[in-house]
Amino acid sequence: MVDKELLNLIVCPDNRTSLSPADGDLLAKANAAIDKGSVRNRGGDLVSKPLEEALLREDGAVLYPVVDAIPVLLADEGIETRQFE
């Protein structure tokens, strides 16, 4: 889990809005789509590993993976949530 103090300091690398932990329902939807092979990150790469944890942009449009408790805050690594609908 991302440290709460760190979460208060970091922002979306794209539009500088706040981030919050993604809930279990969103992660389940994301992982179902990833399992189907239909999810690409904003850089165009296919996402093949399930998300154990992720941070959601304030507007709910983009997820950023968290790997080994470290947020991957690169704009190209963001995953647009519209792919899960």
N, C-alpha and C. Protein backbone atom coordinates (compact mmCIF):
# COMPACT_ATOMS: atom_id res chain seq x y z
N MET A 1 0.84 -1.19 0.00
CA MET A 1 0.00 0.00 0.00
C MET A 1 0.88 1.24 0.00
N VAL A 2 0.46 2.23 -0.76
CA VAL A 2 1.21 3.48 -0.86
C VAL A 2 1.08 4.24 0.46
N ASP A 3 2.19 4.73 0.95
CA ASP A 3 2.24 5.50 2.18
C ASP A 3 1.33 6.73 2.06
N LYS A 4 0.53 7.00 3.10
CA LYS A 4 -0.42 8.12 3.06
C LYS A 4 0.28 9.47 2.92
N GLU A 5 1.43 9.63 3.54
CA GLU A 5 2.17 10.88 3.42
C GLU A 5 2.62 11.10 1.98
N LEU A 6 3.09 10.03 1.35
CA LEU A 6 3.50 10.12 -0.05
C LEU A 6 2.30 10.45 -0.94
N LEU A 7 1.18 9.83 -0.65
CA LEU A 7 -0.03 10.07 -1.44
C LEU A 7 -0.46 11.53 -1.38
N ASN A 8 -0.19 12.20 -0.29
CA ASN A 8 -0.52 13.62 -0.17
C ASN A 8 0.40 14.51 -1.01
N LEU A 9 1.54 13.97 -1.40
CA LEU A 9 2.53 14.76 -2.15
C LEU A 9 2.51 14.54 -3.65
N ILE A 10 2.11 13.36 -4.09
CA ILE A 10 2.19 13.04 -5.52
C ILE A 10 0.92 13.45 -6.26
N VAL A 11 1.09 13.69 -7.55
CA VAL A 11 -0.02 14.09 -8.41
C VAL A 11 0.10 13.37 -9.75
N CYS A 12 -0.94 13.45 -10.53
CA CYS A 12 -0.93 12.88 -11.87
C CYS A 12 0.14 13.59 -12.69
N PRO A 13 0.99 12.84 -13.39
CA PRO A 13 2.05 13.48 -14.19
C PRO A 13 1.50 14.19 -15.43
N ASP A 14 0.28 13.88 -15.80
CA ASP A 14 -0.32 14.46 -17.00
C ASP A 14 -0.98 15.81 -16.73
N ASN A 15 -1.85 15.87 -15.72
CA ASN A 15 -2.59 17.11 -15.48
C ASN A 15 -2.46 17.67 -14.06
N ARG A 16 -1.59 17.07 -13.27
CA ARG A 16 -1.25 17.55 -11.92
C ARG A 16 -2.42 17.53 -10.92
N THR A 17 -3.43 16.68 -11.17
CA THR A 17 -4.52 16.54 -10.21
C THR A 17 -4.17 15.44 -9.21
N SER A 18 -4.95 15.37 -8.14
CA SER A 18 -4.65 14.42 -7.08
C SER A 18 -4.95 12.99 -7.50
N LEU A 19 -4.36 12.06 -6.76
CA LEU A 19 -4.51 10.63 -6.99
C LEU A 19 -5.00 9.98 -5.71
N SER A 20 -5.78 8.92 -5.86
CA SER A 20 -6.25 8.16 -4.70
C SER A 20 -6.18 6.67 -5.02
N PRO A 21 -6.13 5.83 -4.00
CA PRO A 21 -6.07 4.40 -4.26
C PRO A 21 -7.32 3.92 -4.99
N ALA A 22 -7.14 3.08 -6.00
CA ALA A 22 -8.27 2.49 -6.72
C ALA A 22 -8.95 1.46 -5.82
N ASP A 23 -10.27 1.41 -5.88
CA ASP A 23 -10.99 0.44 -5.05
C ASP A 23 -10.99 -0.95 -5.70
N GLY A 24 -11.40 -1.92 -4.93
CA GLY A 24 -11.39 -3.30 -5.38
C GLY A 24 -12.24 -3.57 -6.60
N ASP A 25 -13.39 -2.89 -6.71
CA ASP A 25 -14.25 -3.09 -7.87
C ASP A 25 -13.57 -2.64 -9.16
N LEU A 26 -12.93 -1.49 -9.12
CA LEU A 26 -12.24 -0.99 -10.31
C LEU A 26 -11.06 -1.88 -10.67
N LEU A 27 -10.31 -2.32 -9.67
CA LEU A 27 -9.20 -3.23 -9.95
C LEU A 27 -9.69 -4.55 -10.55
N ALA A 28 -10.83 -5.04 -10.08
CA ALA A 28 -11.39 -6.28 -10.63
C ALA A 28 -11.78 -6.08 -12.10
N LYS A 29 -12.40 -4.95 -12.43
CA LYS A 29 -12.76 -4.65 -13.82
C LYS A 29 -11.52 -4.54 -14.69
N ALA A 30 -10.52 -3.83 -14.17
CA ALA A 30 -9.28 -3.66 -14.91
C ALA A 30 -8.61 -5.00 -15.17
N ASN A 31 -8.54 -5.83 -14.15
CA ASN A 31 -7.87 -7.12 -14.29
C ASN A 31 -8.63 -8.08 -15.20
N ALA A 32 -9.96 -7.99 -15.22
CA ALA A 32 -10.74 -8.81 -16.14
C ALA A 32 -10.42 -8.41 -17.58
N ALA A 33 -10.32 -7.11 -17.83
CA ALA A 33 -9.99 -6.63 -19.18
C ALA A 33 -8.54 -6.98 -19.54
N ILE A 34 -7.65 -6.90 -18.57
CA ILE A 34 -6.25 -7.27 -18.81
C ILE A 34 -6.16 -8.75 -19.17
N ASP A 35 -6.91 -9.59 -18.46
CA ASP A 35 -6.92 -11.04 -18.73
C ASP A 35 -7.40 -11.34 -20.16
N LYS A 36 -8.29 -10.51 -20.67
CA LYS A 36 -8.80 -10.68 -22.04
C LYS A 36 -7.81 -10.18 -23.10
N GLY A 37 -6.76 -9.47 -22.64
CA GLY A 37 -5.77 -8.96 -23.58
C GLY A 37 -6.22 -7.71 -24.32
N SER A 38 -7.12 -6.94 -23.68
CA SER A 38 -7.68 -5.79 -24.38
C SER A 38 -7.28 -4.43 -23.78
N VAL A 39 -6.26 -4.42 -22.93
CA VAL A 39 -5.88 -3.17 -22.26
C VAL A 39 -4.50 -2.72 -22.70
N ARG A 40 -4.43 -1.46 -23.09
CA ARG A 40 -3.15 -0.83 -23.45
C ARG A 40 -2.94 0.39 -22.56
N ASN A 41 -1.67 0.65 -22.25
CA ASN A 41 -1.38 1.88 -21.50
C ASN A 41 -1.36 3.05 -22.47
N ARG A 42 -1.19 4.24 -21.96
CA ARG A 42 -1.24 5.44 -22.80
C ARG A 42 -0.06 5.51 -23.76
N GLY A 43 0.97 4.75 -23.51
CA GLY A 43 2.10 4.67 -24.43
C GLY A 43 1.86 3.69 -25.57
N GLY A 44 0.74 2.95 -25.51
CA GLY A 44 0.38 2.01 -26.56
C GLY A 44 0.80 0.58 -26.31
N ASP A 45 1.47 0.32 -25.18
CA ASP A 45 1.91 -1.04 -24.87
C ASP A 45 0.78 -1.85 -24.25
N LEU A 46 0.70 -3.11 -24.61
CA LEU A 46 -0.28 -4.02 -24.04
C LEU A 46 0.06 -4.25 -22.57
N VAL A 47 -0.95 -4.14 -21.71
CA VAL A 47 -0.77 -4.41 -20.29
C VAL A 47 -1.06 -5.89 -20.07
N SER A 48 -0.05 -6.63 -19.60
CA SER A 48 -0.22 -8.07 -19.47
C SER A 48 -0.23 -8.56 -18.02
N LYS A 49 0.27 -7.75 -17.11
CA LYS A 49 0.31 -8.16 -15.70
C LYS A 49 -0.90 -7.58 -14.97
N PRO A 50 -1.56 -8.39 -14.16
CA PRO A 50 -2.69 -7.87 -13.38
C PRO A 50 -2.23 -6.80 -12.39
N LEU A 51 -3.15 -5.91 -12.08
CA LEU A 51 -2.85 -4.84 -11.13
C LEU A 51 -3.23 -5.29 -9.72
N GLU A 52 -2.25 -5.31 -8.85
CA GLU A 52 -2.53 -5.61 -7.45
C GLU A 52 -2.97 -4.34 -6.73
N GLU A 53 -2.45 -3.23 -7.22
CA GLU A 53 -2.74 -1.93 -6.61
C GLU A 53 -2.56 -0.88 -7.71
N ALA A 54 -3.33 0.21 -7.61
CA ALA A 54 -3.21 1.29 -8.58
C ALA A 54 -3.73 2.58 -7.96
N LEU A 55 -3.32 3.68 -8.55
CA LEU A 55 -3.80 4.99 -8.13
C LEU A 55 -4.68 5.56 -9.22
N LEU A 56 -5.81 6.12 -8.81
CA LEU A 56 -6.79 6.66 -9.73
C LEU A 56 -6.71 8.18 -9.75
N ARG A 57 -6.68 8.72 -10.96
CA ARG A 57 -6.66 10.18 -11.11
C ARG A 57 -7.99 10.75 -10.63
N GLU A 58 -7.96 11.97 -10.15
CA GLU A 58 -9.11 12.64 -9.55
C GLU A 58 -10.38 12.55 -10.41
N ASP A 59 -10.24 12.67 -11.73
CA ASP A 59 -11.41 12.62 -12.61
C ASP A 59 -11.85 11.20 -12.96
N GLY A 60 -11.12 10.19 -12.46
CA GLY A 60 -11.48 8.81 -12.69
C GLY A 60 -11.12 8.27 -14.06
N ALA A 61 -10.40 9.04 -14.86
CA ALA A 61 -10.13 8.66 -16.25
C ALA A 61 -8.87 7.82 -16.44
N VAL A 62 -7.94 7.88 -15.48
CA VAL A 62 -6.65 7.20 -15.66
C VAL A 62 -6.22 6.51 -14.37
N LEU A 63 -5.70 5.29 -14.53
CA LEU A 63 -5.10 4.54 -13.43
C LEU A 63 -3.59 4.50 -13.62
N TYR A 64 -2.87 4.60 -12.53
CA TYR A 64 -1.42 4.43 -12.56
C TYR A 64 -1.08 3.21 -11.71
N PRO A 65 -0.36 2.24 -12.27
CA PRO A 65 -0.02 1.03 -11.51
C PRO A 65 0.88 1.34 -10.32
N VAL A 66 0.77 0.51 -9.32
CA VAL A 66 1.67 0.55 -8.17
C VAL A 66 2.36 -0.82 -8.14
N VAL A 67 3.68 -0.81 -8.22
CA VAL A 67 4.46 -2.05 -8.26
C VAL A 67 5.37 -2.09 -7.05
N ASP A 68 5.21 -3.11 -6.23
CA ASP A 68 6.01 -3.25 -5.00
C ASP A 68 5.93 -1.99 -4.14
N ALA A 69 4.71 -1.46 -3.98
CA ALA A 69 4.40 -0.28 -3.18
C ALA A 69 4.99 1.02 -3.74
N ILE A 70 5.43 0.98 -4.99
CA ILE A 70 5.99 2.17 -5.63
C ILE A 70 5.09 2.59 -6.80
N PRO A 71 4.49 3.78 -6.73
CA PRO A 71 3.64 4.25 -7.83
C PRO A 71 4.47 4.49 -9.09
N VAL A 72 3.97 4.00 -10.21
CA VAL A 72 4.63 4.22 -11.50
C VAL A 72 3.96 5.43 -12.13
N LEU A 73 4.53 6.60 -11.88
CA LEU A 73 3.91 7.85 -12.29
C LEU A 73 4.55 8.41 -13.55
N LEU A 74 4.51 7.62 -14.60
CA LEU A 74 4.95 8.05 -15.92
C LEU A 74 3.69 8.17 -16.77
N ALA A 75 3.54 9.28 -17.48
CA ALA A 75 2.33 9.52 -18.26
C ALA A 75 2.02 8.36 -19.20
N ASP A 76 3.03 7.80 -19.85
CA ASP A 76 2.82 6.70 -20.80
C ASP A 76 2.39 5.40 -20.13
N GLU A 77 2.63 5.25 -18.83
CA GLU A 77 2.25 4.04 -18.10
C GLU A 77 0.82 4.11 -17.58
N GLY A 78 0.19 5.27 -17.67
CA GLY A 78 -1.19 5.40 -17.25
C GLY A 78 -2.10 4.54 -18.10
N ILE A 79 -3.18 4.07 -17.51
CA ILE A 79 -4.14 3.21 -18.19
C ILE A 79 -5.50 3.90 -18.16
N GLU A 80 -6.05 4.18 -19.32
CA GLU A 80 -7.34 4.86 -19.39
C GLU A 80 -8.45 3.90 -18.96
N THR A 81 -9.27 4.33 -18.02
CA THR A 81 -10.29 3.47 -17.44
C THR A 81 -11.45 3.19 -18.38
N ARG A 82 -11.62 3.96 -19.43
CA ARG A 82 -12.70 3.72 -20.38
C ARG A 82 -12.56 2.35 -21.05
N GLN A 83 -11.39 1.76 -20.99
CA GLN A 83 -11.15 0.44 -21.57
C GLN A 83 -11.84 -0.67 -20.77
N PHE A 84 -12.28 -0.37 -19.57
CA PHE A 84 -12.89 -1.39 -18.70
C PHE A 84 -14.40 -1.40 -18.79
N GLU A 85 -14.98 -0.46 -19.48
CA GLU A 85 -16.45 -0.34 -19.52
C GLU A 85 -17.08 -1.25 -20.53
